[in-house]
Amino acid sequence: MGECGRRVAQGPRLVVMGVSGCGKTTVGALLAARLQVPFVDGDSLHPQSNVDKMRAGIPLTDADRAPWLDRVGATLAQAGDAGIVVACSALKRVYRDTILGSAPTTLFLHLSAPHDLIAKRLGARHGHFMPAALLDSQFAALEPLAPGESGWVVDARIAASAIVDVIERQLAARGLA
């Protein structure tokens, strides 16, 4: 909803991206609730074989990610005018380009925080299939948003609700919230 409590005619297609543990799911769910659009955790779109590999501490290859990224793009494309928020690592530009191939109006919101903070968060997280041991591979694969890419970097060192406030202000400034 906009500041005056009215619905935006077309909701944005947003991907909350970054390495595991940066807050994608938490921020994505809060943002979707604030914007009154659906939220999808991209982890739920992984084929079981990917989940099994990650659970075993095996980094995914680009070939492993291809069907997952296609599903993420299709999910965004199928949102229609309602808008949607999807949590998806989208670590490399080629991954983001794959998503944009299906959903070209998607904006990427890169939650960025230092390695040591992310490692601490992952160490405190329980019950997730992505082990902290894969964090280094995530940072090694990460290609931050480049000039000309659709989206922006958001400081993920602050509280999730404050991150959502920042994103909502940025969306409003672009006429998207």
C-alpha atoms as a PDB file:
ATOM      1  CA  MET A   1       0.000   0.000   0.000  1.00  0.00           C
ATOM      2  CA  GLY A   2       1.063   3.531  -0.591  1.00  0.00           C
ATOM      3  CA  GLU A   3       1.346   6.142   2.129  1.00  0.00           C
ATOM      4  CA  CYS A   4      -2.319   7.130   1.767  1.00  0.00           C
ATOM      5  CA  GLY A   5      -3.520   3.546   2.251  1.00  0.00           C
ATOM      6  CA  ARG A   6      -4.394   3.023  -1.420  1.00  0.00           C
ATOM      7  CA  ARG A   7      -3.310   0.041  -3.463  1.00  0.00           C
ATOM      8  CA  VAL A   8      -0.784   0.592  -6.208  1.00  0.00           C
ATOM      9  CA  ALA A   9      -2.278  -0.235  -9.638  1.00  0.00           C
ATOM     10  CA  GLN A  10       0.497  -2.729 -10.445  1.00  0.00           C
ATOM     11  CA  GLY A  11       2.568  -4.263  -7.715  1.00  0.00           C
ATOM     12  CA  PRO A  12       6.313  -4.584  -8.194  1.00  0.00           C
ATOM     13  CA  ARG A  13       8.113  -7.854  -8.893  1.00  0.00           C
ATOM     14  CA  LEU A  14      10.891  -7.927  -6.306  1.00  0.00           C
ATOM     15  CA  VAL A  15      13.682 -10.382  -5.597  1.00  0.00           C
ATOM     16  CA  VAL A  16      15.301 -10.023  -2.184  1.00  0.00           C
ATOM     17  CA  MET A  17      18.770 -11.402  -2.898  1.00  0.00           C
ATOM     18  CA  GLY A  18      22.066 -12.143  -1.200  1.00  0.00           C
ATOM     19  CA  VAL A  19      24.066 -14.890   0.434  1.00  0.00           C
ATOM     20  CA  SER A  20      22.513 -17.409   2.774  1.00  0.00           C
ATOM     21  CA  GLY A  21      21.881 -15.856   6.180  1.00  0.00           C
ATOM     22  CA  CYS A  22      21.601 -12.229   5.016  1.00  0.00           C
ATOM     23  CA  GLY A  23      17.892 -12.087   5.915  1.00  0.00           C
ATOM     24  CA  LYS A  24      16.205 -12.706   2.546  1.00  0.00           C
ATOM     25  CA  THR A  25      13.300 -14.732   3.934  1.00  0.00           C
ATOM     26  CA  THR A  26      12.664 -12.528   6.959  1.00  0.00           C
ATOM     27  CA  VAL A  27      12.902  -9.264   5.035  1.00  0.00           C
ATOM     28  CA  GLY A  28      11.024 -10.669   2.041  1.00  0.00           C
ATOM     29  CA  ALA A  29       8.088 -11.855   4.150  1.00  0.00           C
ATOM     30  CA  LEU A  30       7.906  -8.538   6.042  1.00  0.00           C
ATOM     31  CA  LEU A  31       8.136  -6.536   2.817  1.00  0.00           C
ATOM     32  CA  ALA A  32       5.433  -8.591   1.115  1.00  0.00           C
ATOM     33  CA  ALA A  33       3.129  -8.131   4.111  1.00  0.00           C
ATOM     34  CA  ARG A  34       3.785  -4.375   4.093  1.00  0.00           C
ATOM     35  CA  LEU A  35       3.095  -4.145   0.344  1.00  0.00           C
ATOM     36  CA  GLN A  36       0.163  -6.575   0.568  1.00  0.00           C
ATOM     37  CA  VAL A  37       1.560  -8.839  -2.134  1.00  0.00           C
ATOM     38  CA  PRO A  38       2.350 -12.577  -2.109  1.00  0.00           C
ATOM     39  CA  PHE A  39       5.680 -13.827  -0.766  1.00  0.00           C
ATOM     40  CA  VAL A  40       7.521 -16.887  -2.058  1.00  0.00           C
ATOM     41  CA  ASP A  41      10.650 -18.256  -0.446  1.00  0.00           C
ATOM     42  CA  GLY A  42      12.816 -19.298  -3.382  1.00  0.00           C
ATOM     43  CA  ASP A  43      14.149 -22.195  -1.308  1.00  0.00           C
ATOM     44  CA  SER A  44      10.735 -23.838  -1.748  1.00  0.00           C
ATOM     45  CA  LEU A  45      11.277 -23.818  -5.525  1.00  0.00           C
ATOM     46  CA  HIS A  46      14.489 -25.891  -5.435  1.00  0.00           C
ATOM     47  CA  PRO A  47      14.301 -29.431  -6.811  1.00  0.00           C
ATOM     48  CA  GLN A  48      14.798 -32.017  -4.061  1.00  0.00           C
ATOM     49  CA  SER A  49      18.161 -32.983  -5.583  1.00  0.00           C
ATOM     50  CA  ASN A  50      19.446 -29.440  -4.892  1.00  0.00           C
ATOM     51  CA  VAL A  51      18.208 -29.536  -1.307  1.00  0.00           C
ATOM     52  CA  ASP A  52      19.910 -32.908  -0.807  1.00  0.00           C
ATOM     53  CA  LYS A  53      23.217 -31.601  -2.171  1.00  0.00           C
ATOM     54  CA  MET A  54      23.153 -28.482   0.022  1.00  0.00           C
ATOM     55  CA  ARG A  55      22.159 -30.499   3.090  1.00  0.00           C
ATOM     56  CA  ALA A  56      25.200 -32.688   2.416  1.00  0.00           C
ATOM     57  CA  GLY A  57      27.425 -29.588   2.260  1.00  0.00           C
ATOM     58  CA  ILE A  58      27.940 -29.800  -1.521  1.00  0.00           C
ATOM     59  CA  PRO A  59      27.822 -26.439  -3.333  1.00  0.00           C
ATOM     60  CA  LEU A  60      25.412 -26.255  -6.250  1.00  0.00           C
ATOM     61  CA  THR A  61      26.724 -25.934  -9.787  1.00  0.00           C
ATOM     62  CA  ASP A  62      25.272 -23.613 -12.386  1.00  0.00           C
ATOM     63  CA  ALA A  63      23.664 -26.677 -14.005  1.00  0.00           C
ATOM     64  CA  ASP A  64      22.012 -27.521 -10.657  1.00  0.00           C
ATOM     65  CA  ARG A  65      20.674 -23.978 -10.363  1.00  0.00           C
ATOM     66  CA  ALA A  66      19.266 -23.705 -13.909  1.00  0.00           C
ATOM     67  CA  PRO A  67      15.876 -25.392 -13.302  1.00  0.00           C
ATOM     68  CA  TRP A  68      15.522 -23.550  -9.998  1.00  0.00           C
ATOM     69  CA  LEU A  69      16.173 -20.159 -11.591  1.00  0.00           C
ATOM     70  CA  ASP A  70      13.660 -20.994 -14.325  1.00  0.00           C
ATOM     71  CA  ARG A  71      11.063 -21.698 -11.608  1.00  0.00           C
ATOM     72  CA  VAL A  72      11.904 -18.431  -9.835  1.00  0.00           C
ATOM     73  CA  GLY A  73      11.492 -16.491 -13.091  1.00  0.00           C
ATOM     74  CA  ALA A  74       8.214 -18.265 -13.884  1.00  0.00           C
ATOM     75  CA  THR A  75       6.894 -17.542 -10.386  1.00  0.00           C
ATOM     76  CA  LEU A  76       7.660 -13.838 -10.804  1.00  0.00           C
ATOM     77  CA  ALA A  77       6.164 -13.764 -14.309  1.00  0.00           C
ATOM     78  CA  GLN A  78       2.939 -15.413 -13.142  1.00  0.00           C
ATOM     79  CA  ALA A  79       2.339 -12.771 -10.460  1.00  0.00           C
ATOM     80  CA  GLY A  80       0.336 -10.642 -12.871  1.00  0.00           C
ATOM     81  CA  ASP A  81      -0.515  -7.122 -11.751  1.00  0.00           C
ATOM     82  CA  ALA A  82      -0.662  -8.076  -8.087  1.00  0.00           C
ATOM     83  CA  GLY A  83       3.090  -7.920  -7.601  1.00  0.00           C
ATOM     84  CA  ILE A  84       5.200 -10.377  -5.643  1.00  0.00           C
ATOM     85  CA  VAL A  85       8.267 -10.642  -3.437  1.00  0.00           C
ATOM     86  CA  VAL A  86      10.566 -13.644  -3.864  1.00  0.00           C
ATOM     87  CA  ALA A  87      13.565 -14.465  -1.676  1.00  0.00           C
ATOM     88  CA  CYS A  88      16.282 -15.848  -3.963  1.00  0.00           C
ATOM     89  CA  SER A  89      20.061 -15.720  -3.634  1.00  0.00           C
ATOM     90  CA  ALA A  90      20.530 -14.577  -7.284  1.00  0.00           C
ATOM     91  CA  LEU A  91      24.256 -14.440  -6.579  1.00  0.00           C
ATOM     92  CA  LYS A  92      25.535 -14.024 -10.139  1.00  0.00           C
ATOM     93  CA  ARG A  93      24.515 -11.623 -12.852  1.00  0.00           C
ATOM     94  CA  VAL A  94      23.850 -14.537 -15.208  1.00  0.00           C
ATOM     95  CA  TYR A  95      21.339 -15.883 -12.640  1.00  0.00           C
ATOM     96  CA  ARG A  96      19.627 -12.506 -12.476  1.00  0.00           C
ATOM     97  CA  ASP A  97      19.601 -12.346 -16.276  1.00  0.00           C
ATOM     98  CA  THR A  98      17.919 -15.776 -16.369  1.00  0.00           C
ATOM     99  CA  ILE A  99      15.206 -14.509 -14.019  1.00  0.00           C
ATOM    100  CA  LEU A 100      14.798 -11.327 -16.061  1.00  0.00           C
ATOM    101  CA  GLY A 101      14.335 -13.464 -19.176  1.00  0.00           C
ATOM    102  CA  SER A 102      10.999 -14.618 -17.733  1.00  0.00           C
ATOM    103  CA  ALA A 103      10.113 -11.542 -15.668  1.00  0.00           C
ATOM    104  CA  PRO A 104      11.804  -8.496 -17.241  1.00  0.00           C
ATOM    105  CA  THR A 105      10.399  -5.891 -14.836  1.00  0.00           C
ATOM    106  CA  THR A 106      11.902  -7.564 -11.768  1.00  0.00           C
ATOM    107  CA  LEU A 107      13.884  -5.427  -9.327  1.00  0.00           C
ATOM    108  CA  PHE A 108      16.681  -6.987  -7.263  1.00  0.00           C
ATOM    109  CA  LEU A 109      17.197  -5.845  -3.678  1.00  0.00           C
ATOM    110  CA  HIS A 110      20.648  -7.034  -2.580  1.00  0.00           C
ATOM    111  CA  LEU A 111      20.863  -7.472   1.189  1.00  0.00           C
ATOM    112  CA  SER A 112      24.548  -6.917   1.922  1.00  0.00           C
ATOM    113  CA  ALA A 113      26.426  -7.508   5.174  1.00  0.00           C
ATOM    114  CA  PRO A 114      29.983  -8.471   6.141  1.00  0.00           C
ATOM    115  CA  HIS A 115      31.059 -12.123   6.114  1.00  0.00           C
ATOM    116  CA  ASP A 116      31.595 -12.255   9.886  1.00  0.00           C
ATOM    117  CA  LEU A 117      28.059 -11.044  10.652  1.00  0.00           C
ATOM    118  CA  ILE A 118      26.526 -13.515   8.189  1.00  0.00           C
ATOM    119  CA  ALA A 119      28.624 -16.352   9.647  1.00  0.00           C
ATOM    120  CA  LYS A 120      27.374 -15.465  13.136  1.00  0.00           C
ATOM    121  CA  ARG A 121      23.757 -15.487  11.919  1.00  0.00           C
ATOM    122  CA  LEU A 122      24.213 -18.840  10.189  1.00  0.00           C
ATOM    123  CA  GLY A 123      25.792 -20.285  13.335  1.00  0.00           C
ATOM    124  CA  ALA A 124      22.660 -19.342  15.296  1.00  0.00           C
ATOM    125  CA  ARG A 125      20.240 -20.747  12.683  1.00  0.00           C
ATOM    126  CA  HIS A 126      18.883 -24.239  13.154  1.00  0.00           C
ATOM    127  CA  GLY A 127      16.791 -26.521  10.962  1.00  0.00           C
ATOM    128  CA  HIS A 128      17.752 -25.041   7.586  1.00  0.00           C
ATOM    129  CA  PHE A 129      19.201 -27.282   4.879  1.00  0.00           C
ATOM    130  CA  MET A 130      21.919 -24.760   3.966  1.00  0.00           C
ATOM    131  CA  PRO A 131      24.901 -25.382   6.267  1.00  0.00           C
ATOM    132  CA  ALA A 132      27.197 -22.581   7.422  1.00  0.00           C
ATOM    133  CA  ALA A 133      30.054 -24.502   5.794  1.00  0.00           C
ATOM    134  CA  LEU A 134      28.836 -23.323   2.373  1.00  0.00           C
ATOM    135  CA  LEU A 135      29.016 -19.618   3.244  1.00  0.00           C
ATOM    136  CA  ASP A 136      32.476 -19.164   1.742  1.00  0.00           C
ATOM    137  CA  SER A 137      31.268 -20.631  -1.557  1.00  0.00           C
ATOM    138  CA  GLN A 138      28.341 -18.198  -1.531  1.00  0.00           C
ATOM    139  CA  PHE A 139      30.601 -15.169  -1.030  1.00  0.00           C
ATOM    140  CA  ALA A 140      32.978 -16.502  -3.707  1.00  0.00           C
ATOM    141  CA  ALA A 141      30.099 -16.739  -6.204  1.00  0.00           C
ATOM    142  CA  LEU A 142      28.526 -13.394  -5.295  1.00  0.00           C
ATOM    143  CA  GLU A 143      28.588 -10.766  -8.032  1.00  0.00           C
ATOM    144  CA  PRO A 144      27.142  -7.580  -6.532  1.00  0.00           C
ATOM    145  CA  LEU A 145      24.672  -5.621  -8.623  1.00  0.00           C
ATOM    146  CA  ALA A 146      26.509  -3.831 -11.397  1.00  0.00           C
ATOM    147  CA  PRO A 147      25.724  -0.382 -12.770  1.00  0.00           C
ATOM    148  CA  GLY A 148      22.767  -0.660 -15.110  1.00  0.00           C
ATOM    149  CA  GLU A 149      21.246  -3.652 -13.329  1.00  0.00           C
ATOM    150  CA  SER A 150      17.687  -3.322 -12.110  1.00  0.00           C
ATOM    151  CA  GLY A 151      17.781  -2.831  -8.350  1.00  0.00           C
ATOM    152  CA  TRP A 152      19.931  -1.591  -5.509  1.00  0.00           C
ATOM    153  CA  VAL A 153      22.002  -2.647  -2.504  1.00  0.00           C
ATOM    154  CA  VAL A 154      20.452  -2.515   0.972  1.00  0.00           C
ATOM    155  CA  ASP A 155      22.471  -2.559   4.190  1.00  0.00           C
ATOM    156  CA  ALA A 156      21.519  -5.797   5.963  1.00  0.00           C
ATOM    157  CA  ARG A 157      23.321  -4.962   9.217  1.00  0.00           C
ATOM    158  CA  ILE A 158      20.228  -3.215  10.580  1.00  0.00           C
ATOM    159  CA  ALA A 159      17.023  -4.770  11.940  1.00  0.00           C
ATOM    160  CA  ALA A 160      14.710  -6.433   9.412  1.00  0.00           C
ATOM    161  CA  SER A 161      11.876  -3.960  10.047  1.00  0.00           C
ATOM    162  CA  ALA A 162      14.263  -1.044   9.442  1.00  0.00           C
ATOM    163  CA  ILE A 163      15.447  -2.691   6.207  1.00  0.00           C
ATOM    164  CA  VAL A 164      11.823  -2.919   5.065  1.00  0.00           C
ATOM    165  CA  ASP A 165      11.329   0.778   5.921  1.00  0.00           C
ATOM    166  CA  VAL A 166      14.335   1.671   3.743  1.00  0.00           C
ATOM    167  CA  ILE A 167      13.116  -0.491   0.858  1.00  0.00           C
ATOM    168  CA  GLU A 168       9.592   0.888   1.058  1.00  0.00           C
ATOM    169  CA  ARG A 169      10.918   4.462   0.927  1.00  0.00           C
ATOM    170  CA  GLN A 170      13.058   3.587  -2.095  1.00  0.00           C
ATOM    171  CA  LEU A 171      10.094   1.935  -3.834  1.00  0.00           C
ATOM    172  CA  ALA A 172       7.898   4.955  -3.084  1.00  0.00           C
ATOM    173  CA  ALA A 173      10.534   7.291  -4.523  1.00  0.00           C
ATOM    174  CA  ARG A 174      10.343   5.258  -7.728  1.00  0.00           C
ATOM    175  CA  GLY A 175       6.517   5.283  -7.729  1.00  0.00           C
ATOM    176  CA  LEU A 176       6.339   1.567  -6.942  1.00  0.00           C
ATOM    177  CA  ALA A 177       4.800   1.579  -3.461  1.00  0.00           C
END
